Amino acid sequence: MDNKYGNMLPKKSPAQDDYLQLKEMFGEDGGALIMAVKTDQLYTEENFILWKKIGDSIAKLDGINSVLSEADLFTIKNNTTEGKFEAEPVFLDPTFETKSIEEVREEIRQIPLYDGLLYNDSTNVSLMMISIDEAYLSDQNKSGVVLEAENIALAYEYVFGKMHFAGLPHIRVVMGKRVVSEMYIFIGLAIAVTSLLLYIFFRSFRVVLFCNLVVFTAVIWSLGSIGLMGFKLSILMALIPPLMIVIGIPNCIFLLTKFHREVKDHGNKTKALSRVIAKVGNATFLTNLTTALGFSTFVFTNSEKLIEFGTTASLNILFVFILSICIIPILFSLTKQPKSRHLKHLEKKFAKSIVNKLVYLTTTHRKRIYLVTFIVIGVAIFGATKMEATGNLTSDLPESDPMLQDILFIQENFNGAVPFEILIDYKKDGRKFDKKTLEKVESVQNQLKKDTIFSKTVSIVNFMKLINMSYYGNNVDMYKLIERKDMLRLKGYVENFQADMARTKKVYVYQDSVRNGNLKYTDSLMLGFPLIAKEILDFTPQEAPNDSVEVEILPNDSLIKSYLAQGPNHEEILFVSESIFPPAAIGLSLKELIDTANTTYRLRMQIHDLGSYEIDEKIKGVSEMLDTILNPNAEQVNEYWAKYDAGETKYVDSIFNVSNAYRNNTAYAIADGNDSLLFQFDLNPDLLSSYYDKPEFKEALKVSIDEEQMSYLITGTSVVAAEGTQYLIKNLITSLSIAILIIAVLMAILFRSWRMVVISLVPNFIPLLVTAGIMGIFSIPIKPSTLLVFSIAFGISVDDTIHFLAKYRQELKIRSYDQRACVINALYETGLSMFYTSIVLFFGFSMFAFSQFGGTKALGLLVSLTMLVAMLTNLTVLPSLLLSLENRIASKAFREPFINIYDEEIDIELSDLEVDPRTRIDYNAGERFEDEDEDDESNKST
């Protein structure tokens, strides 16, 4: 199961590279399950303990990295004695004797970092952020941990009210479950509707049974091929099994209609089956080939998911042909000959009246057909101009969907629900905690704060402000960047704090081991963490006998070992360790906010679930803001550099005047470790000007400019989804053009007439244009799911064209003198099959309308409609064009093509031959003419 959601970009693209860079440095951007409640009763003793209990219970599940909520927060205290920060849980005593619930709330509200991140006081909404291991989310057998966590929370809805869930883990797992369940539903619906239609058409349970055997096998083959090729089942791949049913049944209909017609004509079942394979087999293969080509164009998108979909679908469509051309003749060869009631469908009044009406329209009212067609095309073009694109993650969810409602709830209360990330490369390690650099990042955060579509931004700046506040006794007024005078003093504090947090992580490893039955780690908990031992032993430091003896404030190893030797005590040790080091939270970590190896800051935030082009506009705005703040002089300096690069050396001084940093960096680069030369540059600033014309100066200046300009990346799931949609839209025309070109080449090989290629494509363009018009008029957006409509519909709709033209060409070989009769006979021969298959396709694709996903629903309805329009154009516009152009298209090459689709057998019963009254030769005509001449002469003489 592939439950990754929203990334349709090719492997090699700038946006994909940026996202992979984020993952490489900081891991997944969307690994947090969000749980929210709206209540003004959280801060009661009973409810707060329950909120803590929920977090602790979830934290014990396998695959949960951490849980963070108001009940799991730490406060950072300044231990001035040891010169380090210590993290202490805000809430530790469930009896509330040491700290009342009001004091707990007040202490939490004094930490500005969490305001707008974990709670919204104005709306009384509180969050619980649950970090889940990506390995568990990607594994179908382990991803159930998300639902387990949610079920734990749901058990407390009676206390806190409705639980709202959001975050990519929730979307991925719930979507994945829906995909699998929908696949089975679609398979069932497709089989049910096609079976019903088959019975209505053929009035035979045997036909229904045999056709279902074909498609059942095709479904198994399709799922098997997905696994065999190493692909995963995604929202796209889940469409393939029901597609095999919808595409396989028309194959059976064409074969069975021809079989019944042959049986009716001569009554020989074996000959009928032989002719079915010989005559319809080639045409059916070509129709499946064109459909497969329609799907195969997705290979040209370079999107990994679409390539897999296109490859699997096109291969399985060809498999369906193999199955139908083998199974149907074999099974019917082993059964009794069809009875007369099974052949009645060929003479149904309704069916015959439809074909007769088509013949009447195309032979007598072609002008009306053309007029209606032009009107439809005009309306379609108008509608197509109103098409819009979107690419937001929730675009496929209906407005009433609980998942979408929860996401909107989070969005309304915390201004964002989809990850949006900014990575800033500060270039030099010395700038890591430089106040000017940090102030630039702070300015970026302040600008983002003004835009209400962004949630609260978290970066290294927030961490440094919290450290500064802690240093000054958690004074809220000191929640600001560290002053230069305090920076060196706080360096050791920060390093020690990070080391303590790393040690704390070991506690969680030991706790997990004890829970899993490895009791030896209870010793590690006691000996490695004296605070735990002190609590368990109820250790009280004794007064020293004199001032020269140090007081032991914690129990020593011998005292701890003596306790451990007394016997089983792991439950108590585990309980105490969890109270001091709650498994619910690891705490703050610089590693999540800064990558020192790559000199990169990370700004984390969420954004509204916007459409593709809205995100694109927002990215442009953020990029302009970042350029202005991070590199205010970049444009001017680059302009001076371009002039210097063109040979005007005077502009070097212009660059140096912008900022002295450029001069210093250039001098440092030229000195290249030569401290004496660097010292001379400092003593004599004019000395550097003597290097202006030297080759090494130009390179040094370029490096200096590059180092001063901070670079950035804007990425995250929201950006990848938006870029993916735009990429697919750009490639839609390309892939559709390739499909048209391939099918046109195939038609040219088959019919060896460029006129026929043009005529065959016209009735298949019109349905696509109508579909585009409907999407524009009814505001159905272009998105990854609906983009598939055009290539799929074109590949399938051209099948009817091939069947019709194949029969038309066969008629030309027999009666090339009467093209009107050729068109009429082609309509009578193929019209019924085309009608049957189009109805099956229409209702088959309509089954996708029952999907919970708006995209799949729109895909089904649009393809159904396209198939219906394609049937009408192939049965009216195509014959009308053939009749209108007549001799211009019936060339010798068309009558004798490169490849034969229908091979007429030389198998004629002479006794059955009849003279066509339209071509009968009157051998007595000459004698009558002579008699008439004699009569004329006699009349003249008379």
Foldseek 3Di string as FASTA:
>chain_A
DALDFQFQAFCDDPQNVLQVVCCVQFNAQFQKKKKKFADPPCLDLVNVVVVLVLLLVLLLDPFWQFKDWLQFAWAWAQPVVVLAIDTFGLDQDSVCPVHNSVRSVVVSVLQVVCDLPAADVVRRMGMMIIGGHVVQLRDLVRLCSVVVSVVSVVVCCVPRPDMFIATSSVSSNVQVVQLVVVLVVLLVLLLVVLLVLVCVLQVDPVLSVLLVVLLVVLLVVLVVVCVVVPHDDDSLSSVQSLVSSLLLSLLSLQLVLQQLVVCVVPVDNVVSLVQSCQFVLLLSLVLLQLLLLLQCLLCVLSRPVSNSSSVSNSVSSNVSSVSSNPRVSVVSVPDDDDDPSSSCSLVDPVLVVVLVVLLCCLVPPQVVVVVVLVVLLVLLVVLLVQFAAFQFRQQFFDPPDSNVVSQVVCCVRFLFRFKKKKKWFLQDLVCLQPPLQLVLVVVLQVVVVVDSQKGRKDAVQQVQLSLQCSNVVSDSVSSGHDDPVCVVSCPVNVVVNQVVLVVLVVLLVLLSCVVVPNQVSLLVLVQVPQVLVCVVVVDCWDDDPDPVDDIDRTDDPVVSVVVVVVDDDSVVSSVSSCSGSPSNRSHDHNSNAARSVRNMGMMIIGGYRTTLVVVVVVVVVSVVVSCCSQPVCLVVLVVLLVVVVVPDLVSVVVNCVVDVQLLLQLQCQVCVPVVVSSVVCVVPVCVVVVCSPPPSSNVSSVVSSVSSGMDMDMHGSSNSSSVSFVSLVVCLVVSLVSSLVVVLVVVCQFQVFNVLSVLLCVLLVSLVSSLSSVCSVVVPHRGPLQSSQNSSLSSNLSSLVSQLLLQLLVVCLVCVVDSSVSNSVSSSSCVSSLVSSLVSSLSSLCSLCPRSTNSSNSSSNSSSSSSVSSSVCSSHVSSSVCVVCPPVGSDPCRNVHNDRSGDDDPDDDVVPDDDDVVPDDDPCPVVVVVVVVVVVVVVVVD
